[in-house]
N, C-alpha and C. Protein backbone atom coordinates (compact mmCIF):
# COMPACT_ATOMS: atom_id res chain seq x y z
N MET A 1 14.64 -6.62 11.31
CA MET A 1 13.64 -6.08 9.71
C MET A 1 14.43 -6.83 8.65
N ASP A 2 14.27 -7.92 7.47
CA ASP A 2 14.80 -8.32 6.81
C ASP A 2 15.37 -7.49 5.65
N ALA A 3 16.22 -7.37 4.40
CA ALA A 3 16.44 -7.33 3.23
C ALA A 3 15.12 -6.74 2.52
N GLN A 4 14.09 -7.68 1.91
CA GLN A 4 13.09 -7.23 1.02
C GLN A 4 12.35 -6.69 1.94
N ALA A 5 11.93 -6.79 3.41
CA ALA A 5 10.94 -5.75 4.00
C ALA A 5 11.43 -4.67 4.29
N ALA A 6 12.41 -4.16 4.15
CA ALA A 6 13.27 -2.70 4.17
C ALA A 6 12.57 -1.81 3.02
N ALA A 7 13.91 -3.20 1.77
CA ALA A 7 13.05 -3.06 -0.44
C ALA A 7 11.42 -2.09 0.14
N ASP A 8 10.96 -3.01 0.70
CA ASP A 8 9.24 -3.07 0.99
C ASP A 8 8.74 -1.59 1.57
N TRP A 9 9.17 -0.97 2.82
CA TRP A 9 8.67 0.09 3.53
C TRP A 9 9.85 1.39 2.43
N GLU A 10 11.03 1.80 1.44
CA GLU A 10 11.20 2.31 0.22
C GLU A 10 10.09 1.80 -0.44
N LYS A 11 9.85 1.82 -0.82
CA LYS A 11 8.24 1.18 -2.26
C LYS A 11 7.72 2.21 -1.36
N LEU A 12 6.99 1.81 -0.28
CA LEU A 12 6.10 2.36 0.05
C LEU A 12 6.18 4.19 0.61
N ARG A 13 7.21 4.61 0.55
CA ARG A 13 7.56 5.55 1.14
C ARG A 13 7.57 6.08 -0.39
N THR A 14 7.96 5.51 -1.02
CA THR A 14 7.69 6.44 -2.08
C THR A 14 6.60 6.52 -3.69
N TRP A 15 6.52 5.31 -3.24
CA TRP A 15 5.52 5.18 -4.93
C TRP A 15 4.10 5.17 -4.53
N THR A 16 3.27 5.88 -5.63
CA THR A 16 2.18 6.25 -5.15
C THR A 16 1.18 5.67 -6.27
N MET A 17 0.28 5.49 -6.40
CA MET A 17 -0.91 4.75 -7.11
C MET A 17 -1.17 5.17 -8.44
N PRO A 18 -0.17 4.59 -9.23
CA PRO A 18 -0.36 5.29 -11.25
C PRO A 18 -1.01 5.31 -12.36
N PHE A 19 -2.72 4.45 -11.42
CA PHE A 19 -3.67 4.64 -12.61
C PHE A 19 -4.83 4.82 -11.60
N GLY A 20 -6.20 5.15 -12.06
CA GLY A 20 -7.60 4.87 -11.60
C GLY A 20 -7.54 6.34 -10.88
N LYS A 21 -8.84 5.82 -9.81
CA LYS A 21 -9.12 7.41 -9.30
C LYS A 21 -8.28 7.53 -8.18
N PHE A 22 -7.75 7.32 -8.26
CA PHE A 22 -6.58 7.14 -7.41
C PHE A 22 -5.11 7.92 -7.15
N ALA A 23 -5.37 7.78 -8.52
CA ALA A 23 -3.45 8.03 -9.57
C ALA A 23 -3.08 9.48 -8.92
N GLY A 24 -2.08 8.81 -8.63
CA GLY A 24 -0.91 9.86 -7.91
C GLY A 24 -1.29 10.13 -5.89
N ARG A 25 -1.70 8.98 -5.62
CA ARG A 25 -2.37 9.41 -4.43
C ARG A 25 -0.75 7.99 -4.15
N LYS A 26 0.09 8.65 -2.25
CA LYS A 26 0.76 7.21 -1.87
C LYS A 26 0.18 6.19 -1.84
N LEU A 27 0.11 4.56 -1.62
CA LEU A 27 -0.30 3.70 -1.51
C LEU A 27 -0.80 3.32 -0.25
N TYR A 28 -0.03 3.97 0.72
CA TYR A 28 -0.72 4.50 2.65
C TYR A 28 -1.46 4.67 2.67
N ASP A 29 -1.83 5.91 1.61
CA ASP A 29 -2.91 7.08 2.15
C ASP A 29 -4.51 6.53 0.75
N LEU A 30 -4.51 5.54 0.34
CA LEU A 30 -5.66 4.68 -0.26
C LEU A 30 -6.50 3.81 0.75
N PRO A 31 -8.25 4.46 0.80
CA PRO A 31 -8.50 3.78 0.96
C PRO A 31 -8.77 2.50 1.49
N ALA A 32 -9.36 2.24 2.68
CA ALA A 32 -9.33 0.47 2.67
C ALA A 32 -10.03 -0.01 1.73
N GLU A 33 -11.40 0.15 1.99
CA GLU A 33 -12.06 -0.38 0.36
C GLU A 33 -11.73 0.01 -1.68
N TYR A 34 -11.19 0.48 -1.45
CA TYR A 34 -11.08 1.14 -2.02
C TYR A 34 -9.72 -0.19 -2.41
N LEU A 35 -9.03 -0.76 -1.26
CA LEU A 35 -8.55 -1.88 -1.16
C LEU A 35 -9.20 -3.02 -1.23
N CYS A 36 -9.89 -3.21 -0.76
CA CYS A 36 -10.72 -4.50 -0.21
C CYS A 36 -11.24 -4.61 -1.90
N TRP A 37 -11.72 -3.96 -3.07
CA TRP A 37 -11.39 -3.62 -3.90
C TRP A 37 -10.86 -4.84 -4.91
N PHE A 38 -9.52 -4.65 -5.64
CA PHE A 38 -8.64 -4.83 -5.43
C PHE A 38 -8.64 -6.42 -4.90
N GLU A 39 -8.71 -6.24 -3.91
CA GLU A 39 -8.76 -7.81 -3.11
C GLU A 39 -9.67 -8.68 -3.90
N GLN A 40 -10.73 -8.33 -4.52
CA GLN A 40 -11.87 -8.91 -4.52
C GLN A 40 -11.81 -8.73 -6.57
N LYS A 41 -11.42 -8.63 -6.57
CA LYS A 41 -11.74 -8.29 -7.68
C LYS A 41 -10.63 -8.67 -8.81
N GLY A 42 -9.27 -8.68 -8.31
CA GLY A 42 -7.58 -9.53 -8.69
C GLY A 42 -6.60 -8.26 -8.50
N TRP A 43 -5.15 -8.56 -7.22
CA TRP A 43 -4.72 -7.71 -7.18
C TRP A 43 -3.44 -7.57 -8.49
N PRO A 44 -2.91 -5.64 -8.69
CA PRO A 44 -1.78 -5.52 -9.57
C PRO A 44 -0.80 -6.62 -9.84
N ALA A 45 -0.24 -6.87 -10.85
CA ALA A 45 0.91 -7.75 -10.95
C ALA A 45 2.07 -7.25 -10.57
N GLY A 46 2.62 -7.92 -10.10
CA GLY A 46 4.20 -7.66 -9.52
C GLY A 46 3.74 -6.95 -8.47
N ASP A 47 5.20 -5.81 -7.98
CA ASP A 47 4.69 -5.36 -6.46
C ASP A 47 4.04 -4.18 -6.54
N LEU A 48 3.51 -3.76 -7.25
CA LEU A 48 2.72 -3.31 -6.91
C LEU A 48 1.05 -3.77 -6.45
N GLY A 49 1.19 -5.04 -6.40
CA GLY A 49 -0.23 -5.51 -6.02
C GLY A 49 0.28 -6.56 -4.18
N ARG A 50 1.48 -6.50 -4.14
CA ARG A 50 2.33 -7.24 -3.39
C ARG A 50 2.22 -5.73 -1.88
N LEU A 51 2.69 -5.00 -2.35
CA LEU A 51 2.44 -3.11 -1.60
C LEU A 51 1.11 -2.89 -1.06
N LEU A 52 0.43 -3.07 -2.18
CA LEU A 52 -0.94 -2.94 -1.88
C LEU A 52 -1.77 -4.28 -1.11
N GLN A 53 -1.75 -4.87 -0.98
CA GLN A 53 -2.19 -6.16 -0.43
C GLN A 53 -1.22 -5.74 0.79
N ILE A 54 -0.27 -5.30 1.31
CA ILE A 54 0.51 -5.40 2.77
C ILE A 54 -0.20 -4.13 3.13
N VAL A 55 -0.65 -3.02 2.60
CA VAL A 55 -1.01 -1.82 2.83
C VAL A 55 -2.22 -2.13 3.83
N LEU A 56 -3.60 -2.80 2.94
CA LEU A 56 -5.15 -3.37 3.19
C LEU A 56 -4.56 -4.86 5.51
N GLU A 57 -3.33 -5.38 4.33
CA GLU A 57 -3.32 -6.23 5.91
C GLU A 57 -3.21 -5.29 6.97
N ALA A 58 -2.32 -3.86 6.98
CA ALA A 58 -1.83 -3.27 7.78
C ALA A 58 -3.09 -2.57 7.99
N LYS A 59 -3.99 -1.93 7.75
CA LYS A 59 -4.81 -1.08 7.86
C LYS A 59 -5.67 -2.07 8.32
N ARG A 60 -5.88 -3.63 8.61
CA ARG A 60 -6.94 -4.15 8.87
C ARG A 60 -7.16 -4.82 10.61
N GLN A 61 -5.97 -4.89 10.44
CA GLN A 61 -4.63 -5.11 11.73
C GLN A 61 -4.11 -3.70 12.89
N GLY A 62 -5.16 -3.32 12.25
CA GLY A 62 -5.30 -1.50 13.49
C GLY A 62 -3.93 -0.71 13.48
N ALA A 63 -2.84 -1.07 12.59
CA ALA A 63 -1.32 -0.38 12.23
C ALA A 63 -1.14 0.52 10.70
N ASP A 64 -2.57 0.68 11.03
CA ASP A 64 -2.10 2.47 10.17
C ASP A 64 -1.37 3.36 10.16
N HIS A 65 -1.18 2.96 11.80
CA HIS A 65 0.16 4.33 12.18
C HIS A 65 1.32 4.21 12.27
N ALA A 66 1.16 3.32 11.66
CA ALA A 66 2.46 3.21 11.27
C ALA A 66 3.23 3.35 9.85
N PHE A 67 2.60 4.18 9.37
CA PHE A 67 2.50 5.21 7.89
C PHE A 67 2.61 6.08 8.30
N ALA A 68 2.55 6.54 9.68
CA ALA A 68 3.06 7.93 9.68
C ALA A 68 4.56 8.33 9.88
N PRO A 69 5.41 6.98 9.92
CA PRO A 69 6.55 8.46 9.46
C PRO A 69 6.85 8.68 8.10
N LEU A 70 5.97 8.11 7.42
CA LEU A 70 6.24 7.88 6.07
C LEU A 70 5.64 9.23 5.74
N ARG A 71 4.98 9.77 6.31
CA ARG A 71 3.53 11.17 5.86
C ARG A 71 4.13 12.32 5.67
N LYS A 72 5.37 12.18 7.16
CA LYS A 72 6.36 13.88 7.44
C LYS A 72 7.49 14.43 6.27
């Protein structure tokens, strides 16, 4: 795992959605439908948008189980 991926993993472990309907929920626990809405309307700027894209891609690839260690 490269340095950027390790940093992203750490952020995914700790970050929660800062606003909206799912405020306070861990990013990896956001519904795919909500993430698809951002994809259509526009991702938030910066790290938050990038992390949401990572989560959506993992969910699309059927790799949601990769977040299981973060849920413990």
